[in-house]
PDB file of N, CA and C in Angstrom:
ATOM      1  N   MET A   1      -4.912  11.814 -21.201  1.00  0.00           N
ATOM      2  CA  MET A   1      -5.610  11.994 -20.510  1.00  0.00           C
ATOM      3  C   MET A   1      -4.813  12.680 -18.814  1.00  0.00           C
ATOM      4  N   SER A   2      -5.402  13.750 -18.323  1.00  0.00           N
ATOM      5  CA  SER A   2      -4.233  14.465 -17.473  1.00  0.00           C
ATOM      6  C   SER A   2      -5.546  14.850 -16.513  1.00  0.00           C
ATOM      7  N   ARG A   3      -4.603  14.902 -14.940  1.00  0.00           N
ATOM      8  CA  ARG A   3      -5.401  15.141 -13.712  1.00  0.00           C
ATOM      9  C   ARG A   3      -4.321  16.419 -13.268  1.00  0.00           C
ATOM     10  N   ARG A   4      -4.955  17.688 -12.958  1.00  0.00           N
ATOM     11  CA  ARG A   4      -4.072  18.752 -12.905  1.00  0.00           C
ATOM     12  C   ARG A   4      -2.798  19.055 -13.203  1.00  0.00           C
ATOM     13  N   GLY A   5      -3.157  18.801 -14.390  1.00  0.00           N
ATOM     14  CA  GLY A   5      -2.140  19.118 -15.676  1.00  0.00           C
ATOM     15  C   GLY A   5      -1.012  17.926 -15.526  1.00  0.00           C
ATOM     16  N   LEU A   6      -1.075  16.970 -14.874  1.00  0.00           N
ATOM     17  CA  LEU A   6       0.373  15.848 -15.223  1.00  0.00           C
ATOM     18  C   LEU A   6      -0.127  14.662 -16.147  1.00  0.00           C
ATOM     19  N   SER A   7       0.499  13.809 -16.715  1.00  0.00           N
ATOM     20  CA  SER A   7       0.064  13.155 -17.816  1.00  0.00           C
ATOM     21  C   SER A   7      -0.055  11.768 -16.798  1.00  0.00           C
ATOM     22  N   LEU A   8      -0.728  10.762 -17.332  1.00  0.00           N
ATOM     23  CA  LEU A   8      -0.729   9.537 -16.577  1.00  0.00           C
ATOM     24  C   LEU A   8       0.753   8.896 -16.108  1.00  0.00           C
ATOM     25  N   ALA A   9       1.517   9.217 -17.293  1.00  0.00           N
ATOM     26  CA  ALA A   9       2.950   8.709 -16.950  1.00  0.00           C
ATOM     27  C   ALA A   9       3.781   9.404 -15.793  1.00  0.00           C
ATOM     28  N   GLU A  10       3.293  10.939 -15.675  1.00  0.00           N
ATOM     29  CA  GLU A  10       3.603  11.566 -14.577  1.00  0.00           C
ATOM     30  C   GLU A  10       3.118  11.164 -12.989  1.00  0.00           C
ATOM     31  N   GLN A  11       1.906  10.907 -13.039  1.00  0.00           N
ATOM     32  CA  GLN A  11       1.083  10.338 -11.878  1.00  0.00           C
ATOM     33  C   GLN A  11       1.704   8.958 -11.591  1.00  0.00           C
ATOM     34  N   GLU A  12       3.289   8.977 -11.063  1.00  0.00           N
ATOM     35  CA  GLU A  12       3.982   7.596 -10.534  1.00  0.00           C
ATOM     36  C   GLU A  12       3.798   7.157  -9.346  1.00  0.00           C
ATOM     37  N   THR A  13       4.422   6.065  -8.827  1.00  0.00           N
ATOM     38  CA  THR A  13       4.188   5.499  -7.626  1.00  0.00           C
ATOM     39  C   THR A  13       5.790   5.041  -7.504  1.00  0.00           C
ATOM     40  N   VAL A  14       6.471   5.652  -6.486  1.00  0.00           N
ATOM     41  CA  VAL A  14       7.928   5.532  -6.512  1.00  0.00           C
ATOM     42  C   VAL A  14       7.864   5.015  -5.111  1.00  0.00           C
ATOM     43  N   ILE A  15       8.707   3.701  -4.834  1.00  0.00           N
ATOM     44  CA  ILE A  15       9.122   2.950  -3.699  1.00  0.00           C
ATOM     45  C   ILE A  15      10.555   3.192  -3.501  1.00  0.00           C
ATOM     46  N   LEU A  16      10.965   4.055  -2.207  1.00  0.00           N
ATOM     47  CA  LEU A  16      12.252   3.768  -1.997  1.00  0.00           C
ATOM     48  C   LEU A  16      12.623   3.172  -0.816  1.00  0.00           C
ATOM     49  N   TRP A  17      13.737   2.208  -0.704  1.00  0.00           N
ATOM     50  CA  TRP A  17      14.098   1.161  -0.268  1.00  0.00           C
ATOM     51  C   TRP A  17      15.945   1.499  -0.008  1.00  0.00           C
ATOM     52  N   ASP A  18      15.887   1.879   1.524  1.00  0.00           N
ATOM     53  CA  ASP A  18      17.177   2.209   1.933  1.00  0.00           C
ATOM     54  C   ASP A  18      17.762   0.761   2.930  1.00  0.00           C
ATOM     55  N   ASN A  19      18.555   0.165   2.544  1.00  0.00           N
ATOM     56  CA  ASN A  19      19.042  -1.219   3.425  1.00  0.00           C
ATOM     57  C   ASN A  19      19.323  -0.643   4.996  1.00  0.00           C
ATOM     58  N   GLU A  20      19.591   0.334   5.248  1.00  0.00           N
ATOM     59  CA  GLU A  20      20.096   0.987   6.307  1.00  0.00           C
ATOM     60  C   GLU A  20      18.750   0.892   7.176  1.00  0.00           C
ATOM     61  N   LEU A  21      17.619   0.976   6.627  1.00  0.00           N
ATOM     62  CA  LEU A  21      16.572   1.395   7.276  1.00  0.00           C
ATOM     63  C   LEU A  21      15.387   0.052   7.335  1.00  0.00           C
ATOM     64  N   ASP A  22      14.189   0.056   8.323  1.00  0.00           N
ATOM     65  CA  ASP A  22      13.383  -0.949   8.432  1.00  0.00           C
ATOM     66  C   ASP A  22      12.472  -0.285   7.989  1.00  0.00           C
ATOM     67  N   THR A  23      12.238   1.014   7.573  1.00  0.00           N
ATOM     68  CA  THR A  23      10.905   1.340   6.735  1.00  0.00           C
ATOM     69  C   THR A  23      11.122   1.961   5.274  1.00  0.00           C
ATOM     70  N   ALA A  24      10.106   1.878   4.554  1.00  0.00           N
ATOM     71  CA  ALA A  24      10.544   2.203   3.172  1.00  0.00           C
ATOM     72  C   ALA A  24       9.457   3.466   2.869  1.00  0.00           C
ATOM     73  N   SER A  25       9.976   4.391   2.005  1.00  0.00           N
ATOM     74  CA  SER A  25       9.471   5.291   1.590  1.00  0.00           C
ATOM     75  C   SER A  25       8.648   4.932   0.199  1.00  0.00           C
ATOM     76  N   ILE A  26       7.100   5.646   0.373  1.00  0.00           N
ATOM     77  CA  ILE A  26       6.472   5.360  -0.887  1.00  0.00           C
ATOM     78  C   ILE A  26       5.935   6.976  -1.101  1.00  0.00           C
ATOM     79  N   TYR A  27       6.446   7.442  -2.463  1.00  0.00           N
ATOM     80  CA  TYR A  27       5.637   8.484  -3.065  1.00  0.00           C
ATOM     81  C   TYR A  27       4.867   8.233  -4.070  1.00  0.00           C
ATOM     82  N   THR A  28       3.365   8.622  -3.930  1.00  0.00           N
ATOM     83  CA  THR A  28       2.197   8.035  -4.968  1.00  0.00           C
ATOM     84  C   THR A  28       1.072   9.445  -5.466  1.00  0.00           C
ATOM     85  N   HIS A  29       0.874   9.639  -6.492  1.00  0.00           N
ATOM     86  CA  HIS A  29      -0.407   9.942  -6.939  1.00  0.00           C
ATOM     87  C   HIS A  29      -1.469   8.828  -7.471  1.00  0.00           C
ATOM     88  N   ASP A  30      -1.490   8.111  -7.065  1.00  0.00           N
ATOM     89  CA  ASP A  30      -2.491   6.873  -7.252  1.00  0.00           C
ATOM     90  C   ASP A  30      -3.372   6.839  -6.020  1.00  0.00           C
ATOM     91  N   ALA A  31      -4.463   7.087  -6.580  1.00  0.00           N
ATOM     92  CA  ALA A  31      -5.892   7.732  -5.644  1.00  0.00           C
ATOM     93  C   ALA A  31      -6.157   6.020  -4.751  1.00  0.00           C
ATOM     94  N   ARG A  32      -6.189   5.176  -5.443  1.00  0.00           N
ATOM     95  CA  ARG A  32      -6.419   3.851  -4.840  1.00  0.00           C
ATOM     96  C   ARG A  32      -5.433   3.514  -3.661  1.00  0.00           C
ATOM     97  N   MET A  33      -4.058   3.864  -4.182  1.00  0.00           N
ATOM     98  CA  MET A  33      -2.730   3.544  -3.129  1.00  0.00           C
ATOM     99  C   MET A  33      -2.935   4.378  -2.021  1.00  0.00           C
ATOM    100  N   ILE A  34      -3.293   5.957  -2.315  1.00  0.00           N
ATOM    101  CA  ILE A  34      -3.336   7.048  -1.326  1.00  0.00           C
ATOM    102  C   ILE A  34      -4.598   6.703  -0.312  1.00  0.00           C
ATOM    103  N   GLY A  35      -5.533   6.078  -0.800  1.00  0.00           N
ATOM    104  CA  GLY A  35      -6.588   5.461   0.179  1.00  0.00           C
ATOM    105  C   GLY A  35      -6.407   4.284   0.995  1.00  0.00           C
ATOM    106  N   LYS A  36      -5.526   3.298   0.593  1.00  0.00           N
ATOM    107  CA  LYS A  36      -4.785   2.352   1.099  1.00  0.00           C
ATOM    108  C   LYS A  36      -4.119   2.886   2.200  1.00  0.00           C
ATOM    109  N   LEU A  37      -3.046   3.665   1.944  1.00  0.00           N
ATOM    110  CA  LEU A  37      -1.726   4.037   2.807  1.00  0.00           C
ATOM    111  C   LEU A  37      -2.990   4.926   3.765  1.00  0.00           C
ATOM    112  N   LYS A  38      -3.585   5.782   3.545  1.00  0.00           N
ATOM    113  CA  LYS A  38      -4.702   6.927   4.581  1.00  0.00           C
ATOM    114  C   LYS A  38      -5.311   5.829   5.442  1.00  0.00           C
ATOM    115  N   GLY A  39      -5.956   4.732   5.036  1.00  0.00           N
ATOM    116  CA  GLY A  39      -6.768   3.739   5.875  1.00  0.00           C
ATOM    117  C   GLY A  39      -5.683   3.117   6.813  1.00  0.00           C
ATOM    118  N   LEU A  40      -4.439   2.843   6.483  1.00  0.00           N
ATOM    119  CA  LEU A  40      -3.529   1.986   7.141  1.00  0.00           C
ATOM    120  C   LEU A  40      -3.165   2.909   8.216  1.00  0.00           C
ATOM    121  N   ALA A  41      -2.499   4.026   7.743  1.00  0.00           N
ATOM    122  CA  ALA A  41      -2.067   5.170   8.988  1.00  0.00           C
ATOM    123  C   ALA A  41      -3.135   5.790   9.731  1.00  0.00           C
ATOM    124  N   LYS A  42      -4.454   5.453   9.542  1.00  0.00           N
ATOM    125  CA  LYS A  42      -5.630   5.527  10.544  1.00  0.00           C
ATOM    126  C   LYS A  42      -5.545   4.719  11.290  1.00  0.00           C
ATOM    127  N   LYS A  43      -5.476   3.339  11.000  1.00  0.00           N
ATOM    128  CA  LYS A  43      -5.327   2.279  11.894  1.00  0.00           C
ATOM    129  C   LYS A  43      -3.920   1.641  12.603  1.00  0.00           C
ATOM    130  N   TYR A  44      -3.042   2.203  11.887  1.00  0.00           N
ATOM    131  CA  TYR A  44      -1.520   2.046  12.324  1.00  0.00           C
ATOM    132  C   TYR A  44      -0.759   3.195  12.392  1.00  0.00           C
ATOM    133  N   PRO A  45      -1.260   4.072  13.355  1.00  0.00           N
ATOM    134  CA  PRO A  45      -0.213   5.524  12.943  1.00  0.00           C
ATOM    135  C   PRO A  45       0.971   5.538  13.548  1.00  0.00           C
ATOM    136  N   ALA A  46       1.624   4.414  14.362  1.00  0.00           N
ATOM    137  CA  ALA A  46       2.917   4.658  14.873  1.00  0.00           C
ATOM    138  C   ALA A  46       3.766   3.936  13.406  1.00  0.00           C
ATOM    139  N   GLN A  47       3.166   3.048  12.691  1.00  0.00           N
ATOM    140  CA  GLN A  47       3.991   2.040  11.725  1.00  0.00           C
ATOM    141  C   GLN A  47       3.595   3.024  10.092  1.00  0.00           C
ATOM    142  N   PHE A  48       2.661   3.667   9.956  1.00  0.00           N
ATOM    143  CA  PHE A  48       2.071   4.290   8.872  1.00  0.00           C
ATOM    144  C   PHE A  48       2.333   5.708   8.623  1.00  0.00           C
ATOM    145  N   GLN A  49       3.236   6.393   8.479  1.00  0.00           N
ATOM    146  CA  GLN A  49       3.343   8.019   8.714  1.00  0.00           C
ATOM    147  C   GLN A  49       3.071   8.419   7.333  1.00  0.00           C
ATOM    148  N   LEU A  50       2.649   9.661   7.274  1.00  0.00           N
ATOM    149  CA  LEU A  50       2.340  10.654   6.230  1.00  0.00           C
ATOM    150  C   LEU A  50       3.503  11.632   6.314  1.00  0.00           C
ATOM    151  N   GLU A  51       4.326  11.536   5.613  1.00  0.00           N
ATOM    152  CA  GLU A  51       5.636  12.034   5.503  1.00  0.00           C
ATOM    153  C   GLU A  51       5.520  13.658   4.954  1.00  0.00           C
ATOM    154  N   ARG A  52       4.883  13.947   4.010  1.00  0.00           N
ATOM    155  CA  ARG A  52       4.580  15.039   3.475  1.00  0.00           C
ATOM    156  C   ARG A  52       3.358  15.053   2.245  1.00  0.00           C
ATOM    157  N   LYS A  53       2.952  15.951   1.995  1.00  0.00           N
ATOM    158  CA  LYS A  53       2.029  15.917   0.493  1.00  0.00           C
ATOM    159  C   LYS A  53       2.539  16.880  -0.528  1.00  0.00           C
ATOM    160  N   GLY A  54       2.629  16.227  -1.811  1.00  0.00           N
ATOM    161  CA  GLY A  54       3.588  17.331  -2.579  1.00  0.00           C
ATOM    162  C   GLY A  54       2.291  17.923  -3.572  1.00  0.00           C
ATOM    163  N   PRO A  55       3.070  17.907  -4.721  1.00  0.00           N
ATOM    164  CA  PRO A  55       2.023  18.371  -5.910  1.00  0.00           C
ATOM    165  C   PRO A  55       0.837  18.007  -6.232  1.00  0.00           C
ATOM    166  N   GLY A  56      -0.439  18.417  -6.679  1.00  0.00           N
ATOM    167  CA  GLY A  56      -1.378  17.865  -6.736  1.00  0.00           C
ATOM    168  C   GLY A  56      -1.889  17.088  -5.551  1.00  0.00           C
ATOM    169  N   ARG A  57      -2.125  16.009  -5.575  1.00  0.00           N
ATOM    170  CA  ARG A  57      -2.629  15.052  -4.552  1.00  0.00           C
ATOM    171  C   ARG A  57      -1.688  14.213  -4.184  1.00  0.00           C
ATOM    172  N   ALA A  58      -0.281  14.386  -4.646  1.00  0.00           N
ATOM    173  CA  ALA A  58       0.566  13.203  -4.264  1.00  0.00           C
ATOM    174  C   ALA A  58       0.880  13.417  -2.992  1.00  0.00           C
ATOM    175  N   VAL A  59       1.322  12.314  -2.248  1.00  0.00           N
ATOM    176  CA  VAL A  59       1.689  11.871  -0.645  1.00  0.00           C
ATOM    177  C   VAL A  59       3.063  11.124  -0.763  1.00  0.00           C
ATOM    178  N   THR A  60       3.729  11.392   0.530  1.00  0.00           N
ATOM    179  CA  THR A  60       5.015  10.300   0.479  1.00  0.00           C
ATOM    180  C   THR A  60       4.465  10.002   2.097  1.00  0.00           C
ATOM    181  N   TYR A  61       4.630   8.450   2.265  1.00  0.00           N
ATOM    182  CA  TYR A  61       4.589   8.073   3.722  1.00  0.00           C
ATOM    183  C   TYR A  61       5.817   7.272   3.764  1.00  0.00           C
ATOM    184  N   GLN A  62       6.076   6.646   5.135  1.00  0.00           N
ATOM    185  CA  GLN A  62       7.080   5.565   5.566  1.00  0.00           C
ATOM    186  C   GLN A  62       6.163   4.863   6.289  1.00  0.00           C
ATOM    187  N   ILE A  63       6.368   3.718   5.517  1.00  0.00           N
ATOM    188  CA  ILE A  63       5.946   2.389   5.774  1.00  0.00           C
ATOM    189  C   ILE A  63       6.670   1.358   6.164  1.00  0.00           C
ATOM    190  N   PRO A  64       6.734   0.382   7.226  1.00  0.00           N
ATOM    191  CA  PRO A  64       7.232  -0.986   7.438  1.00  0.00           C
ATOM    192  C   PRO A  64       7.724  -1.381   5.959  1.00  0.00           C
ATOM    193  N   LYS A  65       8.942  -1.852   5.963  1.00  0.00           N
ATOM    194  CA  LYS A  65       9.615  -2.552   4.698  1.00  0.00           C
ATOM    195  C   LYS A  65       8.803  -4.013   5.131  1.00  0.00           C
ATOM    196  N   LYS A  66       8.261  -4.764   6.099  1.00  0.00           N
ATOM    197  CA  LYS A  66       7.873  -6.019   5.769  1.00  0.00           C
ATOM    198  C   LYS A  66       6.173  -5.916   5.285  1.00  0.00           C
ATOM    199  N   CYS A  67       5.773  -4.694   4.843  1.00  0.00           N
ATOM    200  CA  CYS A  67       4.548  -4.523   4.336  1.00  0.00           C
ATOM    201  C   CYS A  67       4.743  -4.335   2.458  1.00  0.00           C
ATOM    202  N   VAL A  68       5.939  -4.112   2.448  1.00  0.00           N
ATOM    203  CA  VAL A  68       6.132  -4.093   0.734  1.00  0.00           C
ATOM    204  C   VAL A  68       6.271  -5.726   0.467  1.00  0.00           C
ATOM    205  N   SER A  69       5.880  -5.979  -0.826  1.00  0.00           N
ATOM    206  CA  SER A  69       6.261  -7.515  -1.365  1.00  0.00           C
ATOM    207  C   SER A  69       6.280  -7.427  -2.749  1.00  0.00           C
ATOM    208  N   ILE A  70       6.924  -8.185  -3.300  1.00  0.00           N
ATOM    209  CA  ILE A  70       6.754  -8.810  -4.489  1.00  0.00           C
ATOM    210  C   ILE A  70       6.369 -10.293  -4.898  1.00  0.00           C
ATOM    211  N   ARG A  71       5.657 -10.359  -5.199  1.00  0.00           N
ATOM    212  CA  ARG A  71       4.845 -11.891  -5.671  1.00  0.00           C
ATOM    213  C   ARG A  71       4.862 -12.157  -6.860  1.00  0.00           C
ATOM    214  N   PRO A  72       4.749 -13.487  -7.576  1.00  0.00           N
ATOM    215  CA  PRO A  72       4.114 -14.140  -8.312  1.00  0.00           C
ATOM    216  C   PRO A  72       2.944 -13.719  -8.701  1.00  0.00           C
ATOM    217  N   PRO A  73       2.484 -13.522 -10.099  1.00  0.00           N
ATOM    218  CA  PRO A  73       1.280 -13.696 -10.392  1.00  0.00           C
ATOM    219  C   PRO A  73       0.186 -14.509  -9.889  1.00  0.00           C
ATOM    220  N   TYR A  74      -1.050 -14.344  -9.796  1.00  0.00           N
ATOM    221  CA  TYR A  74      -1.507 -15.248  -9.238  1.00  0.00           C
ATOM    222  C   TYR A  74      -2.170 -16.173 -10.502  1.00  0.00           C
ATOM    223  N   SER A  75      -2.694 -17.792 -10.554  1.00  0.00           N
ATOM    224  CA  SER A  75      -2.908 -18.480 -11.248  1.00  0.00           C
ATOM    225  C   SER A  75      -4.201 -18.395 -11.285  1.00  0.00           C
ATOM    226  N   GLU A  76      -5.532 -18.830 -12.128  1.00  0.00           N
ATOM    227  CA  GLU A  76      -6.386 -18.780 -11.812  1.00  0.00           C
ATOM    228  C   GLU A  76      -7.084 -19.809 -11.100  1.00  0.00           C
ATOM    229  N   GLU A  77      -6.113 -20.838 -10.878  1.00  0.00           N
ATOM    230  CA  GLU A  77      -6.644 -21.754  -9.733  1.00  0.00           C
ATOM    231  C   GLU A  77      -6.312 -21.288  -8.757  1.00  0.00           C
ATOM    232  N   ARG A  78      -5.238 -20.873  -8.096  1.00  0.00           N
ATOM    233  CA  ARG A  78      -5.067 -20.105  -6.756  1.00  0.00           C
ATOM    234  C   ARG A  78      -5.890 -19.134  -6.431  1.00  0.00           C
ATOM    235  N   ARG A  79      -6.543 -18.216  -7.453  1.00  0.00           N
ATOM    236  CA  ARG A  79      -7.633 -17.381  -7.177  1.00  0.00           C
ATOM    237  C   ARG A  79      -8.600 -18.012  -7.038  1.00  0.00           C
ATOM    238  N   LYS A  80      -9.050 -18.790  -7.689  1.00  0.00           N
ATOM    239  CA  LYS A  80     -10.631 -19.756  -7.218  1.00  0.00           C
ATOM    240  C   LYS A  80     -10.470 -20.111  -5.862  1.00  0.00           C
ATOM    241  N   GLN A  81      -9.136 -20.688  -5.453  1.00  0.00           N
ATOM    242  CA  GLN A  81      -9.166 -21.710  -4.140  1.00  0.00           C
ATOM    243  C   GLN A  81      -9.461 -20.606  -3.058  1.00  0.00           C
ATOM    244  N   GLN A  82      -8.506 -19.086  -3.811  1.00  0.00           N
ATOM    245  CA  GLN A  82      -8.728 -18.247  -2.057  1.00  0.00           C
ATOM    246  C   GLN A  82      -9.814 -17.796  -2.286  1.00  0.00           C
ATOM    247  N   ILE A  83     -10.839 -17.538  -3.257  1.00  0.00           N
ATOM    248  CA  ILE A  83     -12.397 -17.135  -2.950  1.00  0.00           C
ATOM    249  C   ILE A  83     -12.864 -18.334  -2.366  1.00  0.00           C
ATOM    250  N   GLN A  84     -12.530 -19.644  -2.609  1.00  0.00           N
ATOM    251  CA  GLN A  84     -13.472 -20.663  -1.984  1.00  0.00           C
ATOM    252  C   GLN A  84     -13.136 -20.319  -0.168  1.00  0.00           C
ATOM    253  N   ASP A  85     -11.692 -20.432  -0.082  1.00  0.00           N
ATOM    254  CA  ASP A  85     -11.161 -20.271   1.470  1.00  0.00           C
ATOM    255  C   ASP A  85     -11.864 -18.853   2.185  1.00  0.00           C
ATOM    256  N   ALA A  86     -11.963 -17.875   1.513  1.00  0.00           N
ATOM    257  CA  ALA A  86     -12.676 -16.939   2.016  1.00  0.00           C
ATOM    258  C   ALA A  86     -14.007 -17.099   2.232  1.00  0.00           C
ATOM    259  N   ALA A  87     -14.768 -17.714   1.251  1.00  0.00           N
ATOM    260  CA  ALA A  87     -16.224 -17.549   1.477  1.00  0.00           C
ATOM    261  C   ALA A  87     -16.275 -18.746   2.932  1.00  0.00           C
ATOM    262  N   LEU A  88     -15.514 -19.570   3.015  1.00  0.00           N
ATOM    263  CA  LEU A  88     -15.463 -20.548   4.043  1.00  0.00           C
ATOM    264  C   LEU A  88     -14.905 -20.024   5.436  1.00  0.00           C
ATOM    265  N   ASN A  89     -13.905 -19.350   5.364  1.00  0.00           N
ATOM    266  CA  ASN A  89     -13.308 -19.005   6.429  1.00  0.00           C
ATOM    267  C   ASN A  89     -13.482 -17.493   6.923  1.00  0.00           C
ATOM    268  N   GLY A  90     -14.127 -16.672   5.891  1.00  0.00           N
ATOM    269  CA  GLY A  90     -13.752 -15.257   5.675  1.00  0.00           C
ATOM    270  C   GLY A  90     -12.367 -14.756   5.792  1.00  0.00           C
ATOM    271  N   ASN A  91     -12.517 -13.454   5.398  1.00  0.00           N
ATOM    272  CA  ASN A  91     -11.486 -12.229   4.593  1.00  0.00           C
ATOM    273  C   ASN A  91     -10.253 -12.476   5.852  1.00  0.00           C
ATOM    274  N   PRO A  92      -9.165 -13.084   5.663  1.00  0.00           N
ATOM    275  CA  PRO A  92      -8.207 -12.640   6.161  1.00  0.00           C
ATOM    276  C   PRO A  92      -7.935 -11.169   6.866  1.00  0.00           C
ATOM    277  N   PHE A  93      -7.554 -10.268   6.041  1.00  0.00           N
ATOM    278  CA  PHE A  93      -7.383  -9.123   5.868  1.00  0.00           C
ATOM    279  C   PHE A  93      -8.286  -8.156   6.709  1.00  0.00           C
ATOM    280  N   GLU A  94      -9.490  -8.330   7.145  1.00  0.00           N
ATOM    281  CA  GLU A  94     -10.356  -7.801   7.633  1.00  0.00           C
ATOM    282  C   GLU A  94     -10.634  -8.058   9.287  1.00  0.00           C
ATOM    283  N   GLN A  95      -9.532  -9.196   9.478  1.00  0.00           N
ATOM    284  CA  GLN A  95      -9.473  -9.411  10.792  1.00  0.00           C
ATOM    285  C   GLN A  95      -8.323  -8.269  11.726  1.00  0.00           C
ATOM    286  N   GLU A  96      -8.590  -8.425  12.822  1.00  0.00           N
ATOM    287  CA  GLU A  96      -7.941  -7.540  13.524  1.00  0.00           C
ATOM    288  C   GLU A  96      -6.386  -8.000  13.635  1.00  0.00           C
ATOM    289  N   VAL A  97      -5.275  -7.266  13.329  1.00  0.00           N
ATOM    290  CA  VAL A  97      -3.891  -7.698  13.433  1.00  0.00           C
ATOM    291  C   VAL A  97      -3.506  -6.880  14.985  1.00  0.00           C
ATOM    292  N   HIS A  98      -2.712  -7.631  15.477  1.00  0.00           N
ATOM    293  CA  HIS A  98      -2.082  -7.392  17.001  1.00  0.00           C
ATOM    294  C   HIS A  98      -0.394  -7.234  16.602  1.00  0.00           C
ATOM    295  N   ASP A  99      -0.026  -5.997  17.374  1.00  0.00           N
ATOM    296  CA  ASP A  99       1.224  -5.594  17.188  1.00  0.00           C
ATOM    297  C   ASP A  99       2.199  -6.919  18.239  1.00  0.00           C
ATOM    298  N   GLU A 100       3.456  -6.951  17.367  1.00  0.00           N
ATOM    299  CA  GLU A 100       4.200  -7.696  17.938  1.00  0.00           C
ATOM    300  C   GLU A 100       5.306  -7.117  19.211  1.00  0.00           C
ATOM    301  N   ASP A 101       4.863  -5.782  19.300  1.00  0.00           N
ATOM    302  CA  ASP A 101       5.644  -4.803  20.320  1.00  0.00           C
ATOM    303  C   ASP A 101       5.048  -5.183  21.609  1.00  0.00           C
TER     304      ASP A 101
END
């Protein structure tokens, strides 16, 4: 399967992490990731900045390092508990987040 001449393997996402900076660079071809980054850039333009557009629909964004995380996989029990919590308390990711600045 190919999109604009690139194989699926070539449609990669790369996160560059420089220990001297407070930001990470994300280069991606992934439509879902691009949509998330675009939405965050619209909501938080000072923190999520489109650095450049690449070949095809590829983009590179600079984002705060604190927004990049690696976590253990969700257990089915944890997933069910979070669904119940969201049903009772609402989705915490849809609430307004205030800057610390």
